[in-house]
C-alpha atoms as a PDB file:
ATOM      1  CA  UNK A   1       0.000   0.000   0.000  1.00  0.00           C
ATOM      2  CA  UNK A   2       1.277   3.482  -0.878  1.00  0.00           C
ATOM      3  CA  UNK A   3       1.610   5.558   2.299  1.00  0.00           C
ATOM      4  CA  UNK A   4       3.157   8.601   0.691  1.00  0.00           C
ATOM      5  CA  UNK A   5       2.381  12.130   1.777  1.00  0.00           C
ATOM      6  CA  UNK A   6       2.737  15.508   0.133  1.00  0.00           C
ATOM      7  CA  UNK A   7       4.350  17.894   2.599  1.00  0.00           C
ATOM      8  CA  UNK A   8       4.022  21.597   1.856  1.00  0.00           C
ATOM      9  CA  UNK A   9       5.003  23.202   5.164  1.00  0.00           C
ATOM     10  CA  UNK A  10       7.242  22.667   8.187  1.00  0.00           C
ATOM     11  CA  UNK A  11       4.155  22.063  10.320  1.00  0.00           C
ATOM     12  CA  UNK A  12       3.072  19.215   8.050  1.00  0.00           C
ATOM     13  CA  UNK A  13       6.587  17.751   8.091  1.00  0.00           C
ATOM     14  CA  UNK A  14       6.634  17.791  11.887  1.00  0.00           C
ATOM     15  CA  UNK A  15       3.272  16.008  12.101  1.00  0.00           C
ATOM     16  CA  UNK A  16       4.265  13.367   9.543  1.00  0.00           C
ATOM     17  CA  UNK A  17       7.552  12.651  11.312  1.00  0.00           C
ATOM     18  CA  UNK A  18       5.861  12.250  14.677  1.00  0.00           C
ATOM     19  CA  UNK A  19       3.088  10.107  13.210  1.00  0.00           C
ATOM     20  CA  UNK A  20       5.586   7.831  11.506  1.00  0.00           C
ATOM     21  CA  UNK A  21       7.639   7.470  14.698  1.00  0.00           C
ATOM     22  CA  UNK A  22       4.488   6.630  16.642  1.00  0.00           C
ATOM     23  CA  UNK A  23       3.476   4.106  13.952  1.00  0.00           C
ATOM     24  CA  UNK A  24       6.914   2.489  14.317  1.00  0.00           C
ATOM     25  CA  UNK A  25       6.265   2.276  18.083  1.00  0.00           C
ATOM     26  CA  UNK A  26       9.490   4.140  18.854  1.00  0.00           C
ATOM     27  CA  UNK A  27      10.175   6.680  21.554  1.00  0.00           C
ATOM     28  CA  UNK A  28      12.283   9.696  20.668  1.00  0.00           C
ATOM     29  CA  UNK A  29      15.148   8.084  22.565  1.00  0.00           C
ATOM     30  CA  UNK A  30      14.820   4.801  20.653  1.00  0.00           C
ATOM     31  CA  UNK A  31      14.596   6.516  17.257  1.00  0.00           C
ATOM     32  CA  UNK A  32      17.595   8.681  18.056  1.00  0.00           C
ATOM     33  CA  UNK A  33      19.662   5.749  19.282  1.00  0.00           C
ATOM     34  CA  UNK A  34      19.195   3.983  15.937  1.00  0.00           C
ATOM     35  CA  UNK A  35      20.997   6.775  14.073  1.00  0.00           C
ATOM     36  CA  UNK A  36      23.006   8.738  16.642  1.00  0.00           C
ATOM     37  CA  UNK A  37      20.595  11.599  17.357  1.00  0.00           C
ATOM     38  CA  UNK A  38      19.716  12.946  20.782  1.00  0.00           C
ATOM     39  CA  UNK A  39      16.066  12.814  21.850  1.00  0.00           C
ATOM     40  CA  UNK A  40      16.019  16.625  21.960  1.00  0.00           C
ATOM     41  CA  UNK A  41      16.994  16.678  18.265  1.00  0.00           C
ATOM     42  CA  UNK A  42      14.061  14.391  17.463  1.00  0.00           C
ATOM     43  CA  UNK A  43      11.825  16.669  19.520  1.00  0.00           C
ATOM     44  CA  UNK A  44      12.871  19.725  17.521  1.00  0.00           C
ATOM     45  CA  UNK A  45      12.335  17.902  14.221  1.00  0.00           C
ATOM     46  CA  UNK A  46       8.827  16.980  15.379  1.00  0.00           C
ATOM     47  CA  UNK A  47       7.923  20.444  16.642  1.00  0.00           C
ATOM     48  CA  UNK A  48       9.881  23.017  14.622  1.00  0.00           C
ATOM     49  CA  UNK A  49      11.783  21.308  11.789  1.00  0.00           C
ATOM     50  CA  UNK A  50      12.882  24.666  10.398  1.00  0.00           C
ATOM     51  CA  UNK A  51      15.361  24.850  13.283  1.00  0.00           C
ATOM     52  CA  UNK A  52      16.938  21.486  12.396  1.00  0.00           C
ATOM     53  CA  UNK A  53      19.673  20.553   9.975  1.00  0.00           C
ATOM     54  CA  UNK A  54      19.086  18.638   6.787  1.00  0.00           C
ATOM     55  CA  UNK A  55      21.564  16.041   8.053  1.00  0.00           C
ATOM     56  CA  UNK A  56      19.438  15.458  11.183  1.00  0.00           C
ATOM     57  CA  UNK A  57      16.322  15.146   9.042  1.00  0.00           C
ATOM     58  CA  UNK A  58      17.951  12.478   6.891  1.00  0.00           C
ATOM     59  CA  UNK A  59      19.103  10.574   9.967  1.00  0.00           C
ATOM     60  CA  UNK A  60      15.572  10.566  11.354  1.00  0.00           C
ATOM     61  CA  UNK A  61      14.153   9.492   8.003  1.00  0.00           C
ATOM     62  CA  UNK A  62      16.582   6.569   8.088  1.00  0.00           C
ATOM     63  CA  UNK A  63      15.557   5.624  11.633  1.00  0.00           C
ATOM     64  CA  UNK A  64      11.916   5.649  10.521  1.00  0.00           C
ATOM     65  CA  UNK A  65      12.687   3.626   7.370  1.00  0.00           C
ATOM     66  CA  UNK A  66      11.293   6.255   4.988  1.00  0.00           C
ATOM     67  CA  UNK A  67      12.803   8.202   2.121  1.00  0.00           C
ATOM     68  CA  UNK A  68      12.560  11.700   0.709  1.00  0.00           C
ATOM     69  CA  UNK A  69      11.297  11.972  -2.871  1.00  0.00           C
ATOM     70  CA  UNK A  70      11.265  15.268  -4.759  1.00  0.00           C
ATOM     71  CA  UNK A  71       8.994  15.747  -7.740  1.00  0.00           C
ATOM     72  CA  UNK A  72       7.561  18.700  -9.646  1.00  0.00           C
ATOM     73  CA  UNK A  73       4.326  20.115  -8.252  1.00  0.00           C
ATOM     74  CA  UNK A  74       1.219  18.862  -9.975  1.00  0.00           C
ATOM     75  CA  UNK A  75      -0.331  22.350 -10.013  1.00  0.00           C
ATOM     76  CA  UNK A  76       1.156  25.530 -11.480  1.00  0.00           C
ATOM     77  CA  UNK A  77       3.352  27.518  -9.110  1.00  0.00           C
ATOM     78  CA  UNK A  78       1.807  30.728  -7.782  1.00  0.00           C
ATOM     79  CA  UNK A  79       5.145  32.440  -7.335  1.00  0.00           C
ATOM     80  CA  UNK A  80       4.585  32.510  -3.575  1.00  0.00           C
ATOM     81  CA  UNK A  81       7.202  30.734  -1.471  1.00  0.00           C
ATOM     82  CA  UNK A  82       5.499  28.495   1.097  1.00  0.00           C
ATOM     83  CA  UNK A  83       8.388  28.388   3.568  1.00  0.00           C
END
């Protein structure tokens, strides 16, 4: 089953990351231990990902066994930057 999600804002990213971690039945400590992140780093990624590094994001994605896929938007761009 395809469980992909389109993420258009930091708030959405935070919610998806937390939901995936919960679905994996991992605490922040357990997820962090899998990839060398502190629980506080996981907390920031799940609450305010704009304050986190891309490297930390990729580590958490690895711990959660998910990948990042970039593709063109399916609707025309409005010229407004969402972030």
